[in-house]
C-alpha atoms as a PDB file:
ATOM      1  CA  MET A   1     126.722  87.255 101.533  1.00  0.00           C
ATOM      2  CA  GLY A   2     123.481  87.654  99.596  1.00  0.00           C
ATOM      3  CA  LEU A   3     122.369  90.723  97.700  1.00  0.00           C
ATOM      4  CA  MET A   4     119.950  91.846 100.418  1.00  0.00           C
ATOM      5  CA  ASP A   5     122.431  91.286 103.254  1.00  0.00           C
ATOM      6  CA  LYS A   6     124.206  94.555 102.578  1.00  0.00           C
ATOM      7  CA  TRP A   7     120.909  96.388 103.184  1.00  0.00           C
ATOM      8  CA  THR A   8     119.659  94.415 106.161  1.00  0.00           C
ATOM      9  CA  ASN A   9     122.708  93.683 108.308  1.00  0.00           C
ATOM     10  CA  GLY A  10     123.271  97.247 109.520  1.00  0.00           C
ATOM     11  CA  GLU A  11     126.128  98.230 107.217  1.00  0.00           C
ATOM     12  CA  ARG A  12     124.188 101.247 105.942  1.00  0.00           C
ATOM     13  CA  GLU A  13     122.166 103.851 107.760  1.00  0.00           C
ATOM     14  CA  ALA A  14     118.764 104.871 106.512  1.00  0.00           C
ATOM     15  CA  PRO A  15     118.775 108.294 104.850  1.00  0.00           C
ATOM     16  CA  GLU A  16     116.923 111.180 106.448  1.00  0.00           C
ATOM     17  CA  PRO A  17     113.425 111.663 105.025  1.00  0.00           C
ATOM     18  CA  LEU A  18     113.062 114.438 102.481  1.00  0.00           C
ATOM     19  CA  GLU A  19     110.976 117.322 103.694  1.00  0.00           C
ATOM     20  CA  GLY A  20     109.581 119.790 101.226  1.00  0.00           C
ATOM     21  CA  ASN A  21     106.337 121.312 100.096  1.00  0.00           C
ATOM     22  CA  VAL A  22     104.459 118.022  99.903  1.00  0.00           C
ATOM     23  CA  THR A  23     101.112 119.711  99.263  1.00  0.00           C
ATOM     24  CA  ALA A  24     102.452 121.495  96.178  1.00  0.00           C
ATOM     25  CA  THR A  25     103.959 118.249  94.917  1.00  0.00           C
ATOM     26  CA  VAL A  26     100.666 116.358  95.280  1.00  0.00           C
ATOM     27  CA  VAL A  27      98.655 119.206  93.721  1.00  0.00           C
ATOM     28  CA  THR A  28     101.058 119.352  90.757  1.00  0.00           C
ATOM     29  CA  GLY A  29     100.850 115.607  90.176  1.00  0.00           C
ATOM     30  CA  THR A  30      97.068 115.632  90.491  1.00  0.00           C
ATOM     31  CA  LEU A  31      96.764 118.490  88.005  1.00  0.00           C
ATOM     32  CA  ILE A  32      99.011 116.690  85.524  1.00  0.00           C
ATOM     33  CA  TRP A  33      96.848 113.552  85.700  1.00  0.00           C
ATOM     34  CA  PHE A  34      93.675 115.650  85.327  1.00  0.00           C
ATOM     35  CA  VAL A  35      95.024 117.583  82.330  1.00  0.00           C
ATOM     36  CA  LEU A  36      96.058 114.319  80.678  1.00  0.00           C
ATOM     37  CA  PHE A  37      92.558 112.953  81.296  1.00  0.00           C
ATOM     38  CA  LEU A  38      90.941 116.035  79.729  1.00  0.00           C
ATOM     39  CA  ALA A  39      93.352 115.976  76.774  1.00  0.00           C
ATOM     40  CA  GLN A  40      92.398 112.383  75.967  1.00  0.00           C
ATOM     41  CA  LEU A  41      88.625 112.815  76.198  1.00  0.00           C
ATOM     42  CA  PRO A  42      88.182 114.171  72.641  1.00  0.00           C
ATOM     43  CA  PHE A  43      89.911 111.029  71.361  1.00  0.00           C
ATOM     44  CA  TYR A  44      87.871 108.572  73.429  1.00  0.00           C
ATOM     45  CA  GLY A  45      86.414 107.004  70.284  1.00  0.00           C
ATOM     46  CA  TRP A  46      89.870 106.234  68.933  1.00  0.00           C
ATOM     47  CA  PHE A  47      90.969 104.803  72.276  1.00  0.00           C
ATOM     48  CA  SER A  48      87.834 102.660  72.366  1.00  0.00           C
ATOM     49  CA  ASP A  49      88.247 101.428  68.797  1.00  0.00           C
ATOM     50  CA  ASN A  50      91.845 100.394  69.476  1.00  0.00           C
ATOM     51  CA  GLY A  51      91.328  98.857  72.911  1.00  0.00           C
ATOM     52  CA  HIS A  52      93.162 101.604  74.789  1.00  0.00           C
ATOM     53  CA  THR A  53      90.421 103.105  76.938  1.00  0.00           C
ATOM     54  CA  TRP A  54      92.467 102.126  79.975  1.00  0.00           C
ATOM     55  CA  TRP A  55      94.772 105.075  79.130  1.00  0.00           C
ATOM     56  CA  VAL A  56      91.904 107.503  79.715  1.00  0.00           C
ATOM     57  CA  TRP A  57      90.745 105.775  82.888  1.00  0.00           C
ATOM     58  CA  THR A  58      94.286 105.522  84.240  1.00  0.00           C
ATOM     59  CA  CYS A  59      94.544 109.308  84.058  1.00  0.00           C
ATOM     60  CA  ALA A  60      91.147 109.679  85.740  1.00  0.00           C
ATOM     61  CA  ALA A  61      92.238 107.279  88.482  1.00  0.00           C
ATOM     62  CA  GLY A  62      95.492 109.206  88.923  1.00  0.00           C
ATOM     63  CA  ALA A  63      93.560 112.454  89.363  1.00  0.00           C
ATOM     64  CA  GLY A  64      91.129 110.822  91.797  1.00  0.00           C
ATOM     65  CA  LEU A  65      93.880 109.222  93.842  1.00  0.00           C
ATOM     66  CA  GLY A  66      95.701 112.544  93.801  1.00  0.00           C
ATOM     67  CA  LEU A  67      92.665 114.129  95.487  1.00  0.00           C
ATOM     68  CA  VAL A  68      92.782 111.417  98.142  1.00  0.00           C
ATOM     69  CA  GLY A  69      96.504 112.080  98.531  1.00  0.00           C
ATOM     70  CA  LEU A  70      95.863 115.807  98.895  1.00  0.00           C
ATOM     71  CA  TRP A  71      93.316 115.145 101.632  1.00  0.00           C
ATOM     72  CA  TYR A  72      95.801 112.859 103.400  1.00  0.00           C
ATOM     73  CA  VAL A  73      98.734 115.274 103.138  1.00  0.00           C
ATOM     74  CA  ARG A  74      96.713 118.201 104.449  1.00  0.00           C
ATOM     75  CA  ARG A  75      95.507 116.166 107.427  1.00  0.00           C
ATOM     76  CA  ARG A  76      99.065 114.986 108.097  1.00  0.00           C
ATOM     77  CA  GLU A  77     100.459 118.519 108.013  1.00  0.00           C
ATOM     78  CA  ALA A  78      97.672 119.737 110.325  1.00  0.00           C
ATOM     79  CA  ALA A  79      98.467 116.924 112.771  1.00  0.00           C
ATOM     80  CA  ILE A  80     102.162 117.816 112.687  1.00  0.00           C
ATOM     81  CA  ARG A  81     101.321 121.467 113.418  1.00  0.00           C
ATOM     82  CA  ARG A  82      99.027 120.440 116.295  1.00  0.00           C
ATOM     83  CA  GLY A  83     101.751 118.196 117.709  1.00  0.00           C
ATOM     84  CA  ALA A  84     104.330 120.971 117.499  1.00  0.00           C
ATOM     85  CA  ALA A  85     101.964 123.423 119.200  1.00  0.00           C
ATOM     86  CA  THR A  86     101.412 121.127 122.181  1.00  0.00           C
ATOM     87  CA  GLN A  87     105.134 120.677 122.824  1.00  0.00           C
END
């Protein structure tokens, strides 16, 4: 029996999905990325001189993707509410 067989042959059931305040989680993560981006901006010259500007832009990308995630989560929650209201 291979390593993946124990996961794919039905021996284990999939766990229930975690439900929580997803919006708050995404907002918190987005804010952390944005704060890290802002904290690194004063040191951009050092990052540039040492070839580490990707650190700054990774934080900016994290904040931007967090905004996309926030948009997605809010639309998902609205769709769930609409679905529950029609039933």
